[in-house]
Amino acid sequence: MTKELACLLLAASAAAQSRFEVASVKANTSEDRSSFSRMENNSLVLQNWPLRRIILKAYGLKDYALTGPDWLASLNFDINAKTEGPATEAALRQMLQALLAERFGLKAHTVAQEKQGYVLLPVKAGFKLSPVRDGSATTDDCDLSHFPQKTRLSCRHCSLDYLAEVLSGQLDRVVVDQSGAQAMYAFTLEWSVGLSDESAATSIFSALNEQLGLRLDTAKRRYQFWWLTASPKHLQPTSFFRSQTPRGPVLEQLLNRGR
């Protein structure tokens, strides 16, 4: 075997490893609010996931770091994919990236921008959370509930890095965890609806301070943001709308928005 042929075979093998052996992508129009996911060493299942959330998982991004079309968050999909052999989580994410590019024509590029945000830190009086004793759970497990007068975040296993991500969505600003805490915590955080000002008695700022022993300090920093574009010509019925009739209502909506 010549050196050139060996290099070509290695390149072909690497390309094959970055793609699923078989993958099904279908639009989910059930309007069900529940979702499901399972990632194993040879398969990936995402059920009723918004396309935006799928992209975040594929690239390991925080929600604030992704910019793209509005319909990314309004259209849900079911993905069922299998690999040729065992694969690491990092490899599965790469395969998911390739699948998104193939089926949706997604292209990503990064840009650095300076923006005003917050850093999550312990208060001087002391951190009020204790690590959960069950150290076997490493996945964040939280419920965010909205009521007429308040919002409640109930967490059974939660890292402060994930808490910062949730706070980013609530405050519409970048929040970065700089607490130094690496453990998982169980807690409930409640704050009043519509009070985001730091001076408000029941704002999210005072709730963090009083209930968790945490504070948000303002900080202007340079952050890395991902910008995504989608190509409507990739949105073909045979590509992923296997359960839809050609040019069904969901596909029509996508094509019209892409014009």
Protein backbone atom coordinates (compact mmCIF):
# COMPACT_ATOMS: atom_id res chain seq x y z
CA MET A 1 0.00 0.00 0.00
CA THR A 2 1.41 3.38 -0.99
CA LYS A 3 1.70 6.24 1.48
CA GLU A 4 -0.75 8.34 -0.57
CA LEU A 5 -3.38 5.57 -0.60
CA ALA A 6 -3.00 5.04 3.14
CA CYS A 7 -3.58 8.74 3.78
CA LEU A 8 -6.70 8.68 1.59
CA LEU A 9 -8.08 5.68 3.47
CA LEU A 10 -7.42 7.33 6.82
CA ALA A 11 -9.14 10.50 5.67
CA ALA A 12 -12.14 8.52 4.43
CA SER A 13 -12.30 6.63 7.73
CA ALA A 14 -12.22 9.89 9.73
CA ALA A 15 -15.00 11.35 7.57
CA ALA A 16 -17.14 8.26 8.10
CA GLN A 17 -16.61 8.39 11.84
CA SER A 18 -17.94 11.97 11.93
CA ARG A 19 -21.32 10.82 10.60
CA PHE A 20 -24.04 8.55 11.89
CA GLU A 21 -24.43 5.22 10.14
CA VAL A 22 -28.18 5.81 9.94
CA ALA A 23 -30.27 8.77 11.08
CA SER A 24 -33.94 9.70 10.99
CA VAL A 25 -35.03 13.33 11.38
CA LYS A 26 -38.76 14.04 11.49
CA ALA A 27 -40.82 17.12 12.24
CA ASN A 28 -42.80 16.81 15.48
CA THR A 29 -46.11 18.66 15.20
CA SER A 30 -47.79 17.09 18.25
CA GLU A 31 -47.77 20.37 20.25
CA ASP A 32 -46.84 18.24 23.28
CA ARG A 33 -44.77 20.23 25.78
CA SER A 34 -42.81 17.22 27.05
CA SER A 35 -39.50 16.16 25.53
CA PHE A 36 -37.16 13.19 25.86
CA SER A 37 -33.50 12.49 25.21
CA ARG A 38 -31.14 9.54 25.46
CA MET A 39 -27.46 9.51 24.54
CA GLU A 40 -25.62 6.19 24.58
CA ASN A 41 -22.25 5.10 23.21
CA ASN A 42 -23.76 4.01 19.89
CA SER A 43 -27.02 5.96 19.56
CA LEU A 44 -28.71 9.30 20.07
CA VAL A 45 -32.43 9.90 20.58
CA LEU A 46 -33.97 13.39 20.82
CA GLN A 47 -37.75 13.53 20.94
CA ASN A 48 -39.79 16.72 20.49
CA TRP A 49 -36.76 19.00 20.71
CA PRO A 50 -36.79 22.55 19.28
CA LEU A 51 -34.22 22.92 16.53
CA ARG A 52 -32.49 25.64 18.55
CA ARG A 53 -32.04 23.28 21.49
CA ILE A 54 -30.67 20.59 19.18
CA ILE A 55 -28.09 23.05 17.86
CA LEU A 56 -27.09 24.07 21.39
CA LYS A 57 -26.51 20.42 22.26
CA ALA A 58 -24.55 19.72 19.08
CA TYR A 59 -22.13 22.60 19.63
CA GLY A 60 -22.15 22.62 23.45
CA LEU A 61 -23.30 26.24 23.54
CA LYS A 62 -25.03 28.40 26.12
CA ASP A 63 -28.34 29.83 24.93
CA TYR A 64 -27.09 33.45 24.98
CA ALA A 65 -24.22 32.56 22.65
CA LEU A 66 -26.41 31.49 19.72
CA THR A 67 -27.92 33.87 17.17
CA GLY A 68 -30.08 32.62 14.31
CA PRO A 69 -33.53 32.73 12.67
CA ASP A 70 -36.48 33.02 15.07
CA TRP A 71 -38.05 29.81 13.79
CA LEU A 72 -35.18 27.79 15.29
CA ALA A 73 -37.04 27.89 18.61
CA SER A 74 -40.55 27.30 17.24
CA LEU A 75 -40.09 24.10 15.21
CA ASN A 76 -39.61 20.76 16.97
CA PHE A 77 -38.05 17.56 15.67
CA ASP A 78 -37.49 13.91 16.55
CA ILE A 79 -34.00 12.54 15.88
CA ASN A 80 -33.15 8.85 16.08
CA ALA A 81 -29.57 8.07 15.04
CA LYS A 82 -27.14 5.17 15.38
CA THR A 83 -23.39 4.94 14.92
CA GLU A 84 -21.40 2.21 13.23
CA GLY A 85 -19.65 1.42 16.52
CA PRO A 86 -19.06 2.81 20.02
CA ALA A 87 -18.57 6.57 20.14
CA THR A 88 -17.73 9.13 22.81
CA GLU A 89 -20.08 11.99 23.69
CA ALA A 90 -17.76 14.39 21.87
CA ALA A 91 -17.92 12.20 18.76
CA LEU A 92 -21.72 12.05 18.95
CA ARG A 93 -21.85 15.84 19.07
CA GLN A 94 -19.66 16.05 15.96
CA MET A 95 -21.96 13.60 14.18
CA LEU A 96 -24.96 15.69 15.21
CA GLN A 97 -23.26 18.78 13.77
CA ALA A 98 -22.74 16.96 10.47
CA LEU A 99 -26.37 15.82 10.48
CA LEU A 100 -27.60 19.40 11.02
CA ALA A 101 -25.45 20.65 8.16
CA GLU A 102 -26.68 17.86 5.86
CA ARG A 103 -30.40 18.00 6.64
CA PHE A 104 -30.88 21.71 7.37
CA GLY A 105 -28.03 23.37 5.49
CA LEU A 106 -26.87 25.00 8.72
CA LYS A 107 -23.64 26.96 8.60
CA ALA A 108 -22.00 28.44 11.69
CA HIS A 109 -19.36 31.07 12.27
CA THR A 110 -18.14 32.78 15.41
CA VAL A 111 -17.66 36.44 16.25
CA ALA A 112 -16.30 38.10 19.38
CA GLN A 113 -18.37 40.95 20.82
CA GLU A 114 -18.07 43.09 23.93
CA LYS A 115 -21.31 43.07 25.92
CA GLN A 116 -22.61 44.03 29.33
CA GLY A 117 -23.43 40.98 31.43
CA TYR A 118 -23.21 39.50 34.91
CA VAL A 119 -20.93 37.21 36.86
CA LEU A 120 -22.35 34.85 39.48
CA LEU A 121 -20.47 35.01 42.79
CA PRO A 122 -21.00 34.05 46.46
CA VAL A 123 -22.12 36.86 48.79
CA LYS A 124 -19.73 38.05 51.50
CA ALA A 125 -22.03 36.68 54.22
CA GLY A 126 -21.50 33.16 52.88
CA PHE A 127 -22.76 30.60 50.40
CA LYS A 128 -26.03 29.01 51.60
CA LEU A 129 -26.09 25.83 49.51
CA SER A 130 -24.80 22.39 50.46
CA PRO A 131 -23.82 19.75 47.86
CA VAL A 132 -26.29 16.93 47.29
CA ARG A 133 -25.17 13.71 48.96
CA ASP A 134 -26.01 11.57 45.96
CA GLY A 135 -22.95 12.15 43.83
CA SER A 136 -24.01 9.68 41.13
CA ALA A 137 -26.18 12.20 39.27
CA THR A 138 -24.14 14.47 37.01
CA THR A 139 -26.97 15.78 34.80
CA ASP A 140 -28.74 19.02 35.64
CA ASP A 141 -32.32 18.29 36.70
CA CYS A 142 -34.43 21.45 37.13
CA ASP A 143 -37.98 22.67 36.52
CA LEU A 144 -38.79 26.30 35.74
CA SER A 145 -42.41 27.17 36.59
CA HIS A 146 -44.20 30.44 35.83
CA PHE A 147 -47.11 31.62 37.98
CA PRO A 148 -49.18 34.84 37.81
CA GLN A 149 -47.24 36.47 40.66
CA LYS A 150 -43.92 34.64 40.74
CA THR A 151 -41.43 32.40 38.98
CA ARG A 152 -40.01 29.29 40.64
CA LEU A 153 -36.87 27.33 39.78
CA SER A 154 -36.87 23.90 41.45
CA CYS A 155 -33.62 21.96 41.13
CA ARG A 156 -32.90 18.43 42.34
CA HIS A 157 -29.40 18.29 40.88
CA CYS A 158 -27.97 21.52 39.53
CA SER A 159 -24.53 22.95 38.86
CA LEU A 160 -24.03 26.68 39.28
CA ASP A 161 -22.87 26.78 35.69
CA TYR A 162 -26.35 25.62 34.65
CA LEU A 163 -27.95 28.08 37.08
CA ALA A 164 -26.04 30.86 35.32
CA GLU A 165 -27.44 29.63 32.00
CA VAL A 166 -31.01 29.75 33.37
CA LEU A 167 -30.42 33.24 34.73
CA SER A 168 -29.17 34.34 31.31
CA GLY A 169 -32.52 33.40 29.82
CA GLN A 170 -34.46 35.21 32.55
CA LEU A 171 -32.41 38.42 32.43
CA ASP A 172 -31.71 38.39 28.67
CA ARG A 173 -28.04 39.03 29.38
CA VAL A 174 -24.93 36.93 29.53
CA VAL A 175 -24.42 35.38 32.98
CA VAL A 176 -21.16 33.54 33.69
CA ASP A 177 -20.55 31.43 36.78
CA GLN A 178 -17.39 32.53 38.62
CA SER A 179 -18.32 31.08 42.02
CA GLY A 180 -15.70 28.36 41.83
CA ALA A 181 -18.25 25.79 43.07
CA GLN A 182 -18.00 22.50 41.18
CA ALA A 183 -20.59 20.37 43.04
CA MET A 184 -24.26 19.65 42.27
CA TYR A 185 -26.88 21.31 44.47
CA ALA A 186 -30.58 20.93 45.31
CA PHE A 187 -32.55 24.13 45.91
CA THR A 188 -35.66 26.17 45.13
CA LEU A 189 -35.40 29.77 43.99
CA GLU A 190 -38.47 32.04 43.80
CA TRP A 191 -38.80 35.66 42.68
CA SER A 192 -41.61 38.03 41.75
CA VAL A 193 -42.77 38.39 38.17
CA GLY A 194 -41.71 41.51 36.30
CA LEU A 195 -39.20 42.67 38.93
CA SER A 196 -35.75 42.53 37.37
CA ASP A 197 -34.38 45.73 38.86
CA GLU A 198 -31.71 45.23 41.50
CA SER A 199 -33.48 47.59 43.91
CA ALA A 200 -36.74 45.60 43.89
CA ALA A 201 -37.33 43.83 47.21
CA THR A 202 -38.37 40.53 45.62
CA SER A 203 -36.33 40.72 42.41
CA ILE A 204 -34.25 37.88 41.12
CA PHE A 205 -31.19 39.70 42.50
CA SER A 206 -32.47 39.81 46.08
CA ALA A 207 -33.84 36.26 45.79
CA LEU A 208 -30.40 34.95 44.85
CA ASN A 209 -28.85 36.81 47.78
CA GLU A 210 -31.38 35.87 50.43
CA GLN A 211 -32.23 32.30 49.35
CA LEU A 212 -28.96 30.97 47.92
CA GLY A 213 -26.22 33.25 49.18
CA LEU A 214 -25.28 34.32 45.65
CA ARG A 215 -25.00 37.67 43.91
CA LEU A 216 -24.83 39.01 40.37
CA ASP A 217 -22.16 41.61 39.65
CA THR A 218 -22.20 43.56 36.42
CA ALA A 219 -19.29 42.97 34.08
CA LYS A 220 -18.45 44.10 30.57
CA ARG A 221 -16.46 41.46 28.75
CA ARG A 222 -15.75 40.08 25.31
CA TYR A 223 -17.79 36.96 24.59
CA GLN A 224 -17.70 34.46 21.76
CA PHE A 225 -21.03 34.29 19.90
CA TRP A 226 -22.15 31.82 17.24
CA TRP A 227 -24.14 33.02 14.24
CA LEU A 228 -26.13 30.47 12.27
CA THR A 229 -27.67 30.58 8.82
CA ALA A 230 -29.96 27.99 7.23
CA SER A 231 -30.38 27.23 3.54
CA PRO A 232 -34.04 26.69 2.54
CA LYS A 233 -33.00 24.59 -0.47
CA HIS A 234 -31.96 21.86 1.96
CA LEU A 235 -35.46 21.66 3.44
CA GLN A 236 -36.79 18.92 1.19
CA PRO A 237 -39.57 16.44 2.13
CA THR A 238 -37.35 13.43 1.41
CA SER A 239 -34.62 14.86 3.61
CA PHE A 240 -36.37 14.72 6.96
CA PHE A 241 -40.16 15.13 6.66
CA ARG A 242 -40.66 11.41 6.31
CA SER A 243 -44.04 11.53 8.09
CA GLN A 244 -45.28 14.53 6.10
CA THR A 245 -46.85 14.75 2.67
CA PRO A 246 -44.77 16.68 0.11
CA ARG A 247 -44.92 20.43 0.75
CA GLY A 248 -46.88 19.93 3.96
CA PRO A 249 -47.81 22.93 6.14
CA VAL A 250 -44.64 22.84 8.25
CA LEU A 251 -42.37 22.65 5.21
CA GLU A 252 -44.34 25.43 3.51
CA GLN A 253 -43.84 27.59 6.60
CA LEU A 254 -40.09 26.99 6.59
CA LEU A 255 -39.72 27.73 2.90
CA ASN A 256 -41.75 30.95 3.15
CA ARG A 257 -39.69 32.18 6.11
CA GLY A 258 -36.47 31.48 4.26
CA ARG A 259 -37.37 33.68 1.30
